[in-house]
Amino acid sequence: MNIPANLQYTNDDEWVTVEGDIVTVGITDYAQDQLGDLVHVELGEVGRTVAKDEAVCEIESVKTVAEVKAPVAGEVIEVNAALADAAEQINSDPYGSWIFKLRVSAPPTGLLDAAAYQAKIG
């Protein structure tokens, strides 16, 4: 399983980068592997304000539908529109296929580093 050391992780299997007041979110290699072949991404709404742990979008695979949650409260400022027609990009490149970006007033807390995330997934 690929777990880049330069990223942070949530207990819900999202990866996170923080650059100033912008938080970028995607799903981990482990998450995409567990979901199987992804067929659709229902992207969040730009301009929407979300609470920490609130679902921002949904990812549909041949097996199930999963929510992608906000790791911190903020405003959705951008979604990766390319995924609307090519959800499978997440399967082939989960860390290059970000899903949404949030503008936040405070950085996320309680995120896991790569070693802690590896320990969590086993």
PDB file of N, CA and C in Angstrom:
ATOM      1  N   MET A   1       0.841  -1.172   0.000  1.00  0.00           N
ATOM      2  CA  MET A   1       0.000   0.000   0.000  1.00  0.00           C
ATOM      3  C   MET A   1       0.891   1.242   0.000  1.00  0.00           C
ATOM      4  N   ASN A   2       0.591   2.170  -0.853  1.00  0.00           N
ATOM      5  CA  ASN A   2       1.351   3.411  -0.949  1.00  0.00           C
ATOM      6  C   ASN A   2       0.804   4.427   0.051  1.00  0.00           C
ATOM      7  N   ILE A   3       1.673   4.898   0.959  1.00  0.00           N
ATOM      8  CA  ILE A   3       1.295   5.890   1.962  1.00  0.00           C
ATOM      9  C   ILE A   3       2.386   6.966   1.992  1.00  0.00           C
ATOM     10  N   PRO A   4       2.257   8.008   1.155  1.00  0.00           N
ATOM     11  CA  PRO A   4       3.291   9.041   1.099  1.00  0.00           C
ATOM     12  C   PRO A   4       3.516   9.720   2.450  1.00  0.00           C
ATOM     13  N   ALA A   5       4.782   9.886   2.803  1.00  0.00           N
ATOM     14  CA  ALA A   5       5.143  10.478   4.088  1.00  0.00           C
ATOM     15  C   ALA A   5       4.852  11.974   4.146  1.00  0.00           C
ATOM     16  N   ASN A   6       4.716  12.632   2.986  1.00  0.00           N
ATOM     17  CA  ASN A   6       4.517  14.084   2.973  1.00  0.00           C
ATOM     18  C   ASN A   6       3.058  14.503   3.162  1.00  0.00           C
ATOM     19  N   LEU A   7       2.152  13.543   3.293  1.00  0.00           N
ATOM     20  CA  LEU A   7       0.734  13.846   3.459  1.00  0.00           C
ATOM     21  C   LEU A   7       0.291  13.557   4.885  1.00  0.00           C
ATOM     22  N   GLN A   8      -0.897  14.065   5.230  1.00  0.00           N
ATOM     23  CA  GLN A   8      -1.538  13.730   6.489  1.00  0.00           C
ATOM     24  C   GLN A   8      -2.806  12.942   6.151  1.00  0.00           C
ATOM     25  N   TYR A   9      -3.345  12.240   7.146  1.00  0.00           N
ATOM     26  CA  TYR A   9      -4.435  11.306   6.895  1.00  0.00           C
ATOM     27  C   TYR A   9      -5.519  11.429   7.964  1.00  0.00           C
ATOM     28  N   THR A  10      -6.754  11.077   7.576  1.00  0.00           N
ATOM     29  CA  THR A  10      -7.860  11.056   8.534  1.00  0.00           C
ATOM     30  C   THR A  10      -8.172   9.609   8.894  1.00  0.00           C
ATOM     31  N   ASN A  11      -8.931   9.430   9.947  1.00  0.00           N
ATOM     32  CA  ASN A  11      -9.382   8.087  10.319  1.00  0.00           C
ATOM     33  C   ASN A  11     -10.403   7.535   9.329  1.00  0.00           C
ATOM     34  N   ASP A  12     -10.924   8.407   8.450  1.00  0.00           N
ATOM     35  CA  ASP A  12     -11.897   7.990   7.431  1.00  0.00           C
ATOM     36  C   ASP A  12     -11.238   7.715   6.080  1.00  0.00           C
ATOM     37  N   ASP A  13      -9.908   7.557   6.064  1.00  0.00           N
ATOM     38  CA  ASP A  13      -9.144   7.170   4.877  1.00  0.00           C
ATOM     39  C   ASP A  13      -9.081   8.244   3.797  1.00  0.00           C
ATOM     40  N   GLU A  14      -9.067   9.510   4.228  1.00  0.00           N
ATOM     41  CA  GLU A  14      -8.777  10.601   3.294  1.00  0.00           C
ATOM     42  C   GLU A  14      -7.342  11.052   3.509  1.00  0.00           C
ATOM     43  N   TRP A  15      -6.714  11.556   2.445  1.00  0.00           N
ATOM     44  CA  TRP A  15      -5.417  12.212   2.590  1.00  0.00           C
ATOM     45  C   TRP A  15      -5.651  13.712   2.532  1.00  0.00           C
ATOM     46  N   VAL A  16      -4.748  14.463   3.170  1.00  0.00           N
ATOM     47  CA  VAL A  16      -4.925  15.902   3.330  1.00  0.00           C
ATOM     48  C   VAL A  16      -3.585  16.605   3.145  1.00  0.00           C
ATOM     49  N   THR A  17      -3.628  17.739   2.436  1.00  0.00           N
ATOM     50  CA  THR A  17      -2.492  18.664   2.438  1.00  0.00           C
ATOM     51  C   THR A  17      -3.001  20.001   2.929  1.00  0.00           C
ATOM     52  N   VAL A  18      -2.133  20.725   3.629  1.00  0.00           N
ATOM     53  CA  VAL A  18      -2.484  22.043   4.155  1.00  0.00           C
ATOM     54  C   VAL A  18      -1.457  23.033   3.631  1.00  0.00           C
ATOM     55  N   GLU A  19      -1.943  24.050   2.909  1.00  0.00           N
ATOM     56  CA  GLU A  19      -1.078  25.123   2.411  1.00  0.00           C
ATOM     57  C   GLU A  19      -1.741  26.437   2.780  1.00  0.00           C
ATOM     58  N   GLY A  20      -1.244  27.060   3.859  1.00  0.00           N
ATOM     59  CA  GLY A  20      -1.868  28.286   4.354  1.00  0.00           C
ATOM     60  C   GLY A  20      -3.275  27.979   4.842  1.00  0.00           C
ATOM     61  N   ASP A  21      -4.271  28.675   4.260  1.00  0.00           N
ATOM     62  CA  ASP A  21      -5.651  28.439   4.681  1.00  0.00           C
ATOM     63  C   ASP A  21      -6.407  27.526   3.712  1.00  0.00           C
ATOM     64  N   ILE A  22      -5.664  26.834   2.821  1.00  0.00           N
ATOM     65  CA  ILE A  22      -6.276  25.930   1.850  1.00  0.00           C
ATOM     66  C   ILE A  22      -5.944  24.476   2.216  1.00  0.00           C
ATOM     67  N   VAL A  23      -6.987  23.671   2.351  1.00  0.00           N
ATOM     68  CA  VAL A  23      -6.852  22.245   2.649  1.00  0.00           C
ATOM     69  C   VAL A  23      -7.331  21.476   1.419  1.00  0.00           C
ATOM     70  N   THR A  24      -6.480  20.597   0.897  1.00  0.00           N
ATOM     71  CA  THR A  24      -6.818  19.758  -0.254  1.00  0.00           C
ATOM     72  C   THR A  24      -7.061  18.343   0.246  1.00  0.00           C
ATOM     73  N   VAL A  25      -8.128  17.698  -0.284  1.00  0.00           N
ATOM     74  CA  VAL A  25      -8.549  16.396   0.223  1.00  0.00           C
ATOM     75  C   VAL A  25      -8.745  15.407  -0.928  1.00  0.00           C
ATOM     76  N   GLY A  26      -8.299  14.177  -0.709  1.00  0.00           N
ATOM     77  CA  GLY A  26      -8.543  13.074  -1.627  1.00  0.00           C
ATOM     78  C   GLY A  26      -8.710  11.806  -0.812  1.00  0.00           C
ATOM     79  N   ILE A  27      -8.849  10.663  -1.469  1.00  0.00           N
ATOM     80  CA  ILE A  27      -8.915   9.403  -0.720  1.00  0.00           C
ATOM     81  C   ILE A  27      -7.607   8.633  -0.902  1.00  0.00           C
ATOM     82  N   THR A  28      -7.295   7.831   0.076  1.00  0.00           N
ATOM     83  CA  THR A  28      -6.020   7.109   0.092  1.00  0.00           C
ATOM     84  C   THR A  28      -6.025   5.908  -0.857  1.00  0.00           C
ATOM     85  N   ASP A  29      -4.841   5.413  -1.096  1.00  0.00           N
ATOM     86  CA  ASP A  29      -4.677   4.191  -1.885  1.00  0.00           C
ATOM     87  C   ASP A  29      -5.448   3.045  -1.226  1.00  0.00           C
ATOM     88  N   TYR A  30      -5.381   2.960   0.094  1.00  0.00           N
ATOM     89  CA  TYR A  30      -6.111   1.930   0.824  1.00  0.00           C
ATOM     90  C   TYR A  30      -7.613   2.063   0.569  1.00  0.00           C
ATOM     91  N   ALA A  31      -8.147   3.276   0.641  1.00  0.00           N
ATOM     92  CA  ALA A  31      -9.588   3.497   0.442  1.00  0.00           C
ATOM     93  C   ALA A  31     -10.026   3.092  -0.955  1.00  0.00           C
ATOM     94  N   GLN A  32      -9.275   3.518  -1.970  1.00  0.00           N
ATOM     95  CA  GLN A  32      -9.675   3.174  -3.336  1.00  0.00           C
ATOM     96  C   GLN A  32      -9.584   1.672  -3.565  1.00  0.00           C
ATOM     97  N   ASP A  33      -8.619   1.016  -2.917  1.00  0.00           N
ATOM     98  CA  ASP A  33      -8.480  -0.429  -3.042  1.00  0.00           C
ATOM     99  C   ASP A  33      -9.680  -1.141  -2.399  1.00  0.00           C
ATOM    100  N   GLN A  34     -10.109  -0.652  -1.239  1.00  0.00           N
ATOM    101  CA  GLN A  34     -11.252  -1.243  -0.550  1.00  0.00           C
ATOM    102  C   GLN A  34     -12.555  -1.026  -1.322  1.00  0.00           C
ATOM    103  N   LEU A  35     -12.680   0.131  -1.977  1.00  0.00           N
ATOM    104  CA  LEU A  35     -13.893   0.437  -2.741  1.00  0.00           C
ATOM    105  C   LEU A  35     -13.980  -0.358  -4.039  1.00  0.00           C
ATOM    106  N   GLY A  36     -12.840  -0.640  -4.638  1.00  0.00           N
ATOM    107  CA  GLY A  36     -12.834  -1.326  -5.934  1.00  0.00           C
ATOM    108  C   GLY A  36     -12.930  -0.324  -7.077  1.00  0.00           C
ATOM    109  N   ASP A  37     -13.359  -0.783  -8.234  1.00  0.00           N
ATOM    110  CA  ASP A  37     -13.403   0.065  -9.425  1.00  0.00           C
ATOM    111  C   ASP A  37     -14.396   1.205  -9.242  1.00  0.00           C
ATOM    112  N   LEU A  38     -13.878   2.434  -9.275  1.00  0.00           N
ATOM    113  CA  LEU A  38     -14.735   3.607  -9.107  1.00  0.00           C
ATOM    114  C   LEU A  38     -15.408   3.944 -10.428  1.00  0.00           C
ATOM    115  N   VAL A  39     -16.694   4.263 -10.357  1.00  0.00           N
ATOM    116  CA  VAL A  39     -17.467   4.540 -11.568  1.00  0.00           C
ATOM    117  C   VAL A  39     -18.051   5.943 -11.609  1.00  0.00           C
ATOM    118  N   HIS A  40     -18.157   6.612 -10.449  1.00  0.00           N
ATOM    119  CA  HIS A  40     -18.753   7.949 -10.443  1.00  0.00           C
ATOM    120  C   HIS A  40     -18.336   8.714  -9.192  1.00  0.00           C
ATOM    121  N   VAL A  41     -18.124  10.022  -9.360  1.00  0.00           N
ATOM    122  CA  VAL A  41     -17.884  10.906  -8.228  1.00  0.00           C
ATOM    123  C   VAL A  41     -18.952  11.989  -8.269  1.00  0.00           C
ATOM    124  N   GLU A  42     -19.720  12.091  -7.200  1.00  0.00           N
ATOM    125  CA  GLU A  42     -20.702  13.159  -7.047  1.00  0.00           C
ATOM    126  C   GLU A  42     -19.985  14.281  -6.290  1.00  0.00           C
ATOM    127  N   LEU A  43     -19.528  15.295  -7.053  1.00  0.00           N
ATOM    128  CA  LEU A  43     -18.695  16.348  -6.484  1.00  0.00           C
ATOM    129  C   LEU A  43     -19.507  17.276  -5.600  1.00  0.00           C
ATOM    130  N   GLY A  44     -18.849  17.860  -4.618  1.00  0.00           N
ATOM    131  CA  GLY A  44     -19.496  18.815  -3.734  1.00  0.00           C
ATOM    132  C   GLY A  44     -19.792  20.126  -4.444  1.00  0.00           C
ATOM    133  N   GLU A  45     -20.508  20.973  -3.752  1.00  0.00           N
ATOM    134  CA  GLU A  45     -20.940  22.253  -4.301  1.00  0.00           C
ATOM    135  C   GLU A  45     -19.963  23.351  -3.885  1.00  0.00           C
ATOM    136  N   VAL A  46     -19.358  24.026  -4.867  1.00  0.00           N
ATOM    137  CA  VAL A  46     -18.454  25.136  -4.587  1.00  0.00           C
ATOM    138  C   VAL A  46     -19.251  26.247  -3.906  1.00  0.00           C
ATOM    139  N   GLY A  47     -18.668  26.825  -2.855  1.00  0.00           N
ATOM    140  CA  GLY A  47     -19.317  27.888  -2.104  1.00  0.00           C
ATOM    141  C   GLY A  47     -20.040  27.399  -0.857  1.00  0.00           C
ATOM    142  N   ARG A  48     -20.207  26.102  -0.758  1.00  0.00           N
ATOM    143  CA  ARG A  48     -20.902  25.517   0.396  1.00  0.00           C
ATOM    144  C   ARG A  48     -20.003  25.527   1.625  1.00  0.00           C
ATOM    145  N   THR A  49     -20.556  25.887   2.758  1.00  0.00           N
ATOM    146  CA  THR A  49     -19.836  25.831   4.023  1.00  0.00           C
ATOM    147  C   THR A  49     -20.136  24.491   4.683  1.00  0.00           C
ATOM    148  N   VAL A  50     -19.089  23.805   5.125  1.00  0.00           N
ATOM    149  CA  VAL A  50     -19.253  22.479   5.724  1.00  0.00           C
ATOM    150  C   VAL A  50     -18.628  22.441   7.111  1.00  0.00           C
ATOM    151  N   ALA A  51     -19.175  21.578   7.940  1.00  0.00           N
ATOM    152  CA  ALA A  51     -18.637  21.348   9.276  1.00  0.00           C
ATOM    153  C   ALA A  51     -17.594  20.233   9.213  1.00  0.00           C
ATOM    154  N   LYS A  52     -16.755  20.186  10.232  1.00  0.00           N
ATOM    155  CA  LYS A  52     -15.791  19.085  10.331  1.00  0.00           C
ATOM    156  C   LYS A  52     -16.557  17.758  10.323  1.00  0.00           C
ATOM    157  N   ASP A  53     -16.071  16.803   9.566  1.00  0.00           N
ATOM    158  CA  ASP A  53     -16.632  15.450   9.429  1.00  0.00           C
ATOM    159  C   ASP A  53     -17.940  15.403   8.646  1.00  0.00           C
ATOM    160  N   GLU A  54     -18.347  16.513   8.039  1.00  0.00           N
ATOM    161  CA  GLU A  54     -19.540  16.513   7.192  1.00  0.00           C
ATOM    162  C   GLU A  54     -19.178  15.982   5.806  1.00  0.00           C
ATOM    163  N   ALA A  55     -20.067  15.203   5.214  1.00  0.00           N
ATOM    164  CA  ALA A  55     -19.831  14.685   3.864  1.00  0.00           C
ATOM    165  C   ALA A  55     -19.831  15.835   2.867  1.00  0.00           C
ATOM    166  N   VAL A  56     -18.797  15.885   2.036  1.00  0.00           N
ATOM    167  CA  VAL A  56     -18.688  16.907   1.000  1.00  0.00           C
ATOM    168  C   VAL A  56     -19.093  16.326  -0.347  1.00  0.00           C
ATOM    169  N   CYS A  57     -18.761  15.061  -0.579  1.00  0.00           N
ATOM    170  CA  CYS A  57     -19.109  14.417  -1.840  1.00  0.00           C
ATOM    171  C   CYS A  57     -19.256  12.918  -1.628  1.00  0.00           C
ATOM    172  N   GLU A  58     -19.684  12.236  -2.683  1.00  0.00           N
ATOM    173  CA  GLU A  58     -19.820  10.787  -2.649  1.00  0.00           C
ATOM    174  C   GLU A  58     -19.057  10.167  -3.804  1.00  0.00           C
ATOM    175  N   ILE A  59     -18.492   9.014  -3.533  1.00  0.00           N
ATOM    176  CA  ILE A  59     -17.790   8.241  -4.554  1.00  0.00           C
ATOM    177  C   ILE A  59     -18.527   6.916  -4.705  1.00  0.00           C
ATOM    178  N   GLU A  60     -18.834   6.575  -5.938  1.00  0.00           N
ATOM    179  CA  GLU A  60     -19.557   5.333  -6.204  1.00  0.00           C
ATOM    180  C   GLU A  60     -18.619   4.350  -6.892  1.00  0.00           C
ATOM    181  N   SER A  61     -18.610   3.134  -6.372  1.00  0.00           N
ATOM    182  CA  SER A  61     -17.834   2.064  -7.003  1.00  0.00           C
ATOM    183  C   SER A  61     -18.799   0.972  -7.439  1.00  0.00           C
ATOM    184  N   VAL A  62     -18.259  -0.066  -8.049  1.00  0.00           N
ATOM    185  CA  VAL A  62     -19.109  -1.187  -8.437  1.00  0.00           C
ATOM    186  C   VAL A  62     -19.643  -1.914  -7.204  1.00  0.00           C
ATOM    187  N   LYS A  63     -19.003  -1.708  -6.037  1.00  0.00           N
ATOM    188  CA  LYS A  63     -19.396  -2.378  -4.807  1.00  0.00           C
ATOM    189  C   LYS A  63     -20.342  -1.562  -3.930  1.00  0.00           C
ATOM    190  N   THR A  64     -20.116  -0.236  -3.833  1.00  0.00           N
ATOM    191  CA  THR A  64     -20.786   0.568  -2.815  1.00  0.00           C
ATOM    192  C   THR A  64     -20.690   2.053  -3.116  1.00  0.00           C
ATOM    193  N   VAL A  65     -21.262   2.845  -2.255  1.00  0.00           N
ATOM    194  CA  VAL A  65     -21.131   4.307  -2.304  1.00  0.00           C
ATOM    195  C   VAL A  65     -20.491   4.735  -0.987  1.00  0.00           C
ATOM    196  N   ALA A  66     -19.497   5.629  -1.063  1.00  0.00           N
ATOM    197  CA  ALA A  66     -18.803   6.106   0.126  1.00  0.00           C
ATOM    198  C   ALA A  66     -18.790   7.629   0.149  1.00  0.00           C
ATOM    199  N   GLU A  67     -18.854   8.185   1.344  1.00  0.00           N
ATOM    200  CA  GLU A  67     -18.773   9.627   1.514  1.00  0.00           C
ATOM    201  C   GLU A  67     -17.318  10.041   1.700  1.00  0.00           C
ATOM    202  N   VAL A  68     -16.982  11.220   1.175  1.00  0.00           N
ATOM    203  CA  VAL A  68     -15.690  11.841   1.449  1.00  0.00           C
ATOM    204  C   VAL A  68     -16.004  13.044   2.322  1.00  0.00           C
ATOM    205  N   LYS A  69     -15.394  13.076   3.513  1.00  0.00           N
ATOM    206  CA  LYS A  69     -15.749  14.062   4.527  1.00  0.00           C
ATOM    207  C   LYS A  69     -14.711  15.166   4.662  1.00  0.00           C
ATOM    208  N   ALA A  70     -15.176  16.299   5.167  1.00  0.00           N
ATOM    209  CA  ALA A  70     -14.294  17.433   5.438  1.00  0.00           C
ATOM    210  C   ALA A  70     -13.485  17.148   6.697  1.00  0.00           C
ATOM    211  N   PRO A  71     -12.154  17.268   6.643  1.00  0.00           N
ATOM    212  CA  PRO A  71     -11.339  17.028   7.835  1.00  0.00           C
ATOM    213  C   PRO A  71     -11.366  18.208   8.808  1.00  0.00           C
ATOM    214  N   VAL A  72     -11.967  19.317   8.366  1.00  0.00           N
ATOM    215  CA  VAL A  72     -12.042  20.542   9.161  1.00  0.00           C
ATOM    216  C   VAL A  72     -13.184  21.383   8.595  1.00  0.00           C
ATOM    217  N   ALA A  73     -13.757  22.233   9.412  1.00  0.00           N
ATOM    218  CA  ALA A  73     -14.817  23.122   8.925  1.00  0.00           C
ATOM    219  C   ALA A  73     -14.227  24.131   7.944  1.00  0.00           C
ATOM    220  N   GLY A  74     -15.002  24.465   6.917  1.00  0.00           N
ATOM    221  CA  GLY A  74     -14.530  25.448   5.956  1.00  0.00           C
ATOM    222  C   GLY A  74     -15.502  25.610   4.804  1.00  0.00           C
ATOM    223  N   GLU A  75     -15.050  26.351   3.795  1.00  0.00           N
ATOM    224  CA  GLU A  75     -15.851  26.593   2.599  1.00  0.00           C
ATOM    225  C   GLU A  75     -15.239  25.831   1.428  1.00  0.00           C
ATOM    226  N   VAL A  76     -16.071  25.098   0.706  1.00  0.00           N
ATOM    227  CA  VAL A  76     -15.608  24.396  -0.489  1.00  0.00           C
ATOM    228  C   VAL A  76     -15.301  25.458  -1.540  1.00  0.00           C
ATOM    229  N   ILE A  77     -14.029  25.564  -1.934  1.00  0.00           N
ATOM    230  CA  ILE A  77     -13.652  26.600  -2.907  1.00  0.00           C
ATOM    231  C   ILE A  77     -13.366  26.033  -4.294  1.00  0.00           C
ATOM    232  N   GLU A  78     -13.161  24.717  -4.366  1.00  0.00           N
ATOM    233  CA  GLU A  78     -12.869  24.108  -5.669  1.00  0.00           C
ATOM    234  C   GLU A  78     -13.141  22.613  -5.586  1.00  0.00           C
ATOM    235  N   VAL A  79     -13.628  22.053  -6.703  1.00  0.00           N
ATOM    236  CA  VAL A  79     -13.781  20.610  -6.838  1.00  0.00           C
ATOM    237  C   VAL A  79     -13.038  20.192  -8.097  1.00  0.00           C
ATOM    238  N   ASN A  80     -12.591  18.965  -8.134  1.00  0.00           N
ATOM    239  CA  ASN A  80     -11.840  18.455  -9.281  1.00  0.00           C
ATOM    240  C   ASN A  80     -12.830  17.970 -10.340  1.00  0.00           C
ATOM    241  N   ALA A  81     -13.265  18.888 -11.188  1.00  0.00           N
ATOM    242  CA  ALA A  81     -14.294  18.596 -12.193  1.00  0.00           C
ATOM    243  C   ALA A  81     -13.890  17.477 -13.143  1.00  0.00           C
ATOM    244  N   ALA A  82     -12.601  17.254 -13.342  1.00  0.00           N
ATOM    245  CA  ALA A  82     -12.138  16.184 -14.234  1.00  0.00           C
ATOM    246  C   ALA A  82     -12.611  14.813 -13.763  1.00  0.00           C
ATOM    247  N   LEU A  83     -12.858  14.673 -12.469  1.00  0.00           N
ATOM    248  CA  LEU A  83     -13.278  13.375 -11.928  1.00  0.00           C
ATOM    249  C   LEU A  83     -14.724  13.034 -12.277  1.00  0.00           C
ATOM    250  N   ALA A  84     -15.528  14.035 -12.621  1.00  0.00           N
ATOM    251  CA  ALA A  84     -16.939  13.786 -12.951  1.00  0.00           C
ATOM    252  C   ALA A  84     -17.072  12.817 -14.125  1.00  0.00           C
ATOM    253  N   ASP A  85     -16.144  12.896 -15.065  1.00  0.00           N
ATOM    254  CA  ASP A  85     -16.170  12.016 -16.231  1.00  0.00           C
ATOM    255  C   ASP A  85     -15.095  10.939 -16.197  1.00  0.00           C
ATOM    256  N   ALA A  86     -14.292  10.920 -15.141  1.00  0.00           N
ATOM    257  CA  ALA A  86     -13.181   9.968 -15.091  1.00  0.00           C
ATOM    258  C   ALA A  86     -12.868   9.569 -13.645  1.00  0.00           C
ATOM    259  N   ALA A  87     -13.859   9.028 -12.957  1.00  0.00           N
ATOM    260  CA  ALA A  87     -13.671   8.611 -11.561  1.00  0.00           C
ATOM    261  C   ALA A  87     -12.535   7.605 -11.416  1.00  0.00           C
ATOM    262  N   GLU A  88     -12.319   6.819 -12.472  1.00  0.00           N
ATOM    263  CA  GLU A  88     -11.282   5.780 -12.422  1.00  0.00           C
ATOM    264  C   GLU A  88      -9.877   6.350 -12.234  1.00  0.00           C
ATOM    265  N   GLN A  89      -9.700   7.659 -12.457  1.00  0.00           N
ATOM    266  CA  GLN A  89      -8.397   8.291 -12.204  1.00  0.00           C
ATOM    267  C   GLN A  89      -7.974   8.091 -10.755  1.00  0.00           C
ATOM    268  N   ILE A  90      -8.944   8.077  -9.858  1.00  0.00           N
ATOM    269  CA  ILE A  90      -8.629   7.883  -8.438  1.00  0.00           C
ATOM    270  C   ILE A  90      -8.043   6.494  -8.210  1.00  0.00           C
ATOM    271  N   ASN A  91      -8.550   5.473  -8.921  1.00  0.00           N
ATOM    272  CA  ASN A  91      -7.990   4.126  -8.789  1.00  0.00           C
ATOM    273  C   ASN A  91      -6.546   4.072  -9.257  1.00  0.00           C
ATOM    274  N   SER A  92      -6.241   4.740 -10.364  1.00  0.00           N
ATOM    275  CA  SER A  92      -4.895   4.655 -10.920  1.00  0.00           C
ATOM    276  C   SER A  92      -3.907   5.614 -10.250  1.00  0.00           C
ATOM    277  N   ASP A  93      -4.395   6.734  -9.683  1.00  0.00           N
ATOM    278  CA  ASP A  93      -3.507   7.715  -9.074  1.00  0.00           C
ATOM    279  C   ASP A  93      -4.220   8.412  -7.908  1.00  0.00           C
ATOM    280  N   PRO A  94      -4.442   7.710  -6.787  1.00  0.00           N
ATOM    281  CA  PRO A  94      -5.216   8.295  -5.695  1.00  0.00           C
ATOM    282  C   PRO A  94      -4.594   9.559  -5.106  1.00  0.00           C
ATOM    283  N   TYR A  95      -3.262   9.659  -5.115  1.00  0.00           N
ATOM    284  CA  TYR A  95      -2.626  10.825  -4.507  1.00  0.00           C
ATOM    285  C   TYR A  95      -2.442  11.974  -5.496  1.00  0.00           C
ATOM    286  N   GLY A  96      -2.650  11.722  -6.762  1.00  0.00           N
ATOM    287  CA  GLY A  96      -2.616  12.780  -7.765  1.00  0.00           C
ATOM    288  C   GLY A  96      -4.008  13.250  -8.133  1.00  0.00           C
ATOM    289  N   SER A  97      -5.022  12.597  -7.589  1.00  0.00           N
ATOM    290  CA  SER A  97      -6.417  12.899  -7.922  1.00  0.00           C
ATOM    291  C   SER A  97      -7.130  13.485  -6.706  1.00  0.00           C
ATOM    292  N   TRP A  98      -6.833  14.735  -6.414  1.00  0.00           N
ATOM    293  CA  TRP A  98      -7.529  15.402  -5.311  1.00  0.00           C
ATOM    294  C   TRP A  98      -9.008  15.531  -5.672  1.00  0.00           C
ATOM    295  N   ILE A  99      -9.861  15.644  -4.672  1.00  0.00           N
ATOM    296  CA  ILE A  99     -11.307  15.673  -4.897  1.00  0.00           C
ATOM    297  C   ILE A  99     -11.889  17.061  -4.636  1.00  0.00           C
ATOM    298  N   PHE A 100     -11.495  17.695  -3.519  1.00  0.00           N
ATOM    299  CA  PHE A 100     -11.992  19.045  -3.253  1.00  0.00           C
ATOM    300  C   PHE A 100     -10.984  19.824  -2.418  1.00  0.00           C
ATOM    301  N   LYS A 101     -11.175  21.153  -2.432  1.00  0.00           N
ATOM    302  CA  LYS A 101     -10.347  22.048  -1.628  1.00  0.00           C
ATOM    303  C   LYS A 101     -11.253  22.903  -0.760  1.00  0.00           C
ATOM    304  N   LEU A 102     -10.800  23.125   0.470  1.00  0.00           N
ATOM    305  CA  LEU A 102     -11.518  23.946   1.429  1.00  0.00           C
ATOM    306  C   LEU A 102     -10.686  25.154   1.814  1.00  0.00           C
ATOM    307  N   ARG A 103     -11.350  26.295   2.044  1.00  0.00           N
ATOM    308  CA  ARG A 103     -10.706  27.434   2.693  1.00  0.00           C
ATOM    309  C   ARG A 103     -11.130  27.358   4.151  1.00  0.00           C
ATOM    310  N   VAL A 104     -10.153  27.360   5.036  1.00  0.00           N
ATOM    311  CA  VAL A 104     -10.424  27.165   6.460  1.00  0.00           C
ATOM    312  C   VAL A 104      -9.897  28.343   7.271  1.00  0.00           C
ATOM    313  N   SER A 105     -10.466  28.520   8.467  1.00  0.00           N
ATOM    314  CA  SER A 105      -9.988  29.587   9.343  1.00  0.00           C
ATOM    315  C   SER A 105      -8.949  29.063  10.326  1.00  0.00           C
ATOM    316  N   ALA A 106      -8.924  27.757  10.530  1.00  0.00           N
ATOM    317  CA  ALA A 106      -7.944  27.131  11.417  1.00  0.00           C
ATOM    318  C   ALA A 106      -7.509  25.815  10.790  1.00  0.00           C
ATOM    319  N   PRO A 107      -6.234  25.449  10.926  1.00  0.00           N
ATOM    320  CA  PRO A 107      -5.779  24.188  10.346  1.00  0.00           C
ATOM    321  C   PRO A 107      -6.439  22.987  11.015  1.00  0.00           C
ATOM    322  N   PRO A 108      -6.551  21.876  10.277  1.00  0.00           N
ATOM    323  CA  PRO A 108      -7.154  20.678  10.866  1.00  0.00           C
ATOM    324  C   PRO A 108      -6.320  20.150  12.028  1.00  0.00           C
ATOM    325  N   THR A 109      -6.996  19.521  12.958  1.00  0.00           N
ATOM    326  CA  THR A 109      -6.309  18.890  14.091  1.00  0.00           C
ATOM    327  C   THR A 109      -6.675  17.413  14.095  1.00  0.00           C
ATOM    328  N   GLY A 110      -5.862  16.633  14.764  1.00  0.00           N
ATOM    329  CA  GLY A 110      -6.159  15.215  14.911  1.00  0.00           C
ATOM    330  C   GLY A 110      -5.840  14.379  13.683  1.00  0.00           C
ATOM    331  N   LEU A 111      -5.066  14.926  12.758  1.00  0.00           N
ATOM    332  CA  LEU A 111      -4.690  14.152  11.574  1.00  0.00           C
ATOM    333  C   LEU A 111      -3.554  13.197  11.909  1.00  0.00           C
ATOM    334  N   LEU A 112      -3.456  12.143  11.124  1.00  0.00           N
ATOM    335  CA  LEU A 112      -2.432  11.125  11.319  1.00  0.00           C
ATOM    336  C   LEU A 112      -1.263  11.356  10.366  1.00  0.00           C
ATOM    337  N   ASP A 113      -0.047  11.066  10.819  1.00  0.00           N
ATOM    338  CA  ASP A 113       1.077  11.052   9.902  1.00  0.00           C
ATOM    339  C   ASP A 113       1.094   9.682   9.209  1.00  0.00           C
ATOM    340  N   ALA A 114       2.024   9.515   8.279  1.00  0.00           N
ATOM    341  CA  ALA A 114       2.057   8.268   7.489  1.00  0.00           C
ATOM    342  C   ALA A 114       2.235   7.032   8.366  1.00  0.00           C
ATOM    343  N   ALA A 115       3.090   7.106   9.371  1.00  0.00           N
ATOM    344  CA  ALA A 115       3.325   5.938  10.236  1.00  0.00           C
ATOM    345  C   ALA A 115       2.076   5.590  11.037  1.00  0.00           C
ATOM    346  N   ALA A 116       1.390   6.583  11.566  1.00  0.00           N
ATOM    347  CA  ALA A 116       0.164   6.332  12.324  1.00  0.00           C
ATOM    348  C   ALA A 116      -0.936   5.790  11.431  1.00  0.00           C
ATOM    349  N   TYR A 117      -1.019   6.304  10.196  1.00  0.00           N
ATOM    350  CA  TYR A 117      -2.037   5.795   9.266  1.00  0.00           C
ATOM    351  C   TYR A 117      -1.732   4.344   8.880  1.00  0.00           C
ATOM    352  N   GLN A 118      -0.456   4.036   8.659  1.00  0.00           N
ATOM    353  CA  GLN A 118      -0.054   2.660   8.356  1.00  0.00           C
ATOM    354  C   GLN A 118      -0.450   1.733   9.513  1.00  0.00           C
ATOM    355  N   ALA A 119      -0.218   2.162  10.729  1.00  0.00           N
ATOM    356  CA  ALA A 119      -0.582   1.362  11.889  1.00  0.00           C
ATOM    357  C   ALA A 119      -2.098   1.160  11.962  1.00  0.00           C
ATOM    358  N   LYS A 120      -2.869   2.195  11.599  1.00  0.00           N
ATOM    359  CA  LYS A 120      -4.320   2.110  11.643  1.00  0.00           C
ATOM    360  C   LYS A 120      -4.862   1.062  10.663  1.00  0.00           C
ATOM    361  N   ILE A 121      -4.322   1.071   9.439  1.00  0.00           N
ATOM    362  CA  ILE A 121      -4.853   0.152   8.408  1.00  0.00           C
ATOM    363  C   ILE A 121      -4.214  -1.235   8.484  1.00  0.00           C
ATOM    364  N   GLY A 122      -3.108  -1.328   9.228  1.00  0.00           N
ATOM    365  CA  GLY A 122      -2.495  -2.642   9.413  1.00  0.00           C
ATOM    366  C   GLY A 122      -1.503  -3.010   8.420  1.00  0.00           C
TER     367      GLY A 122
END
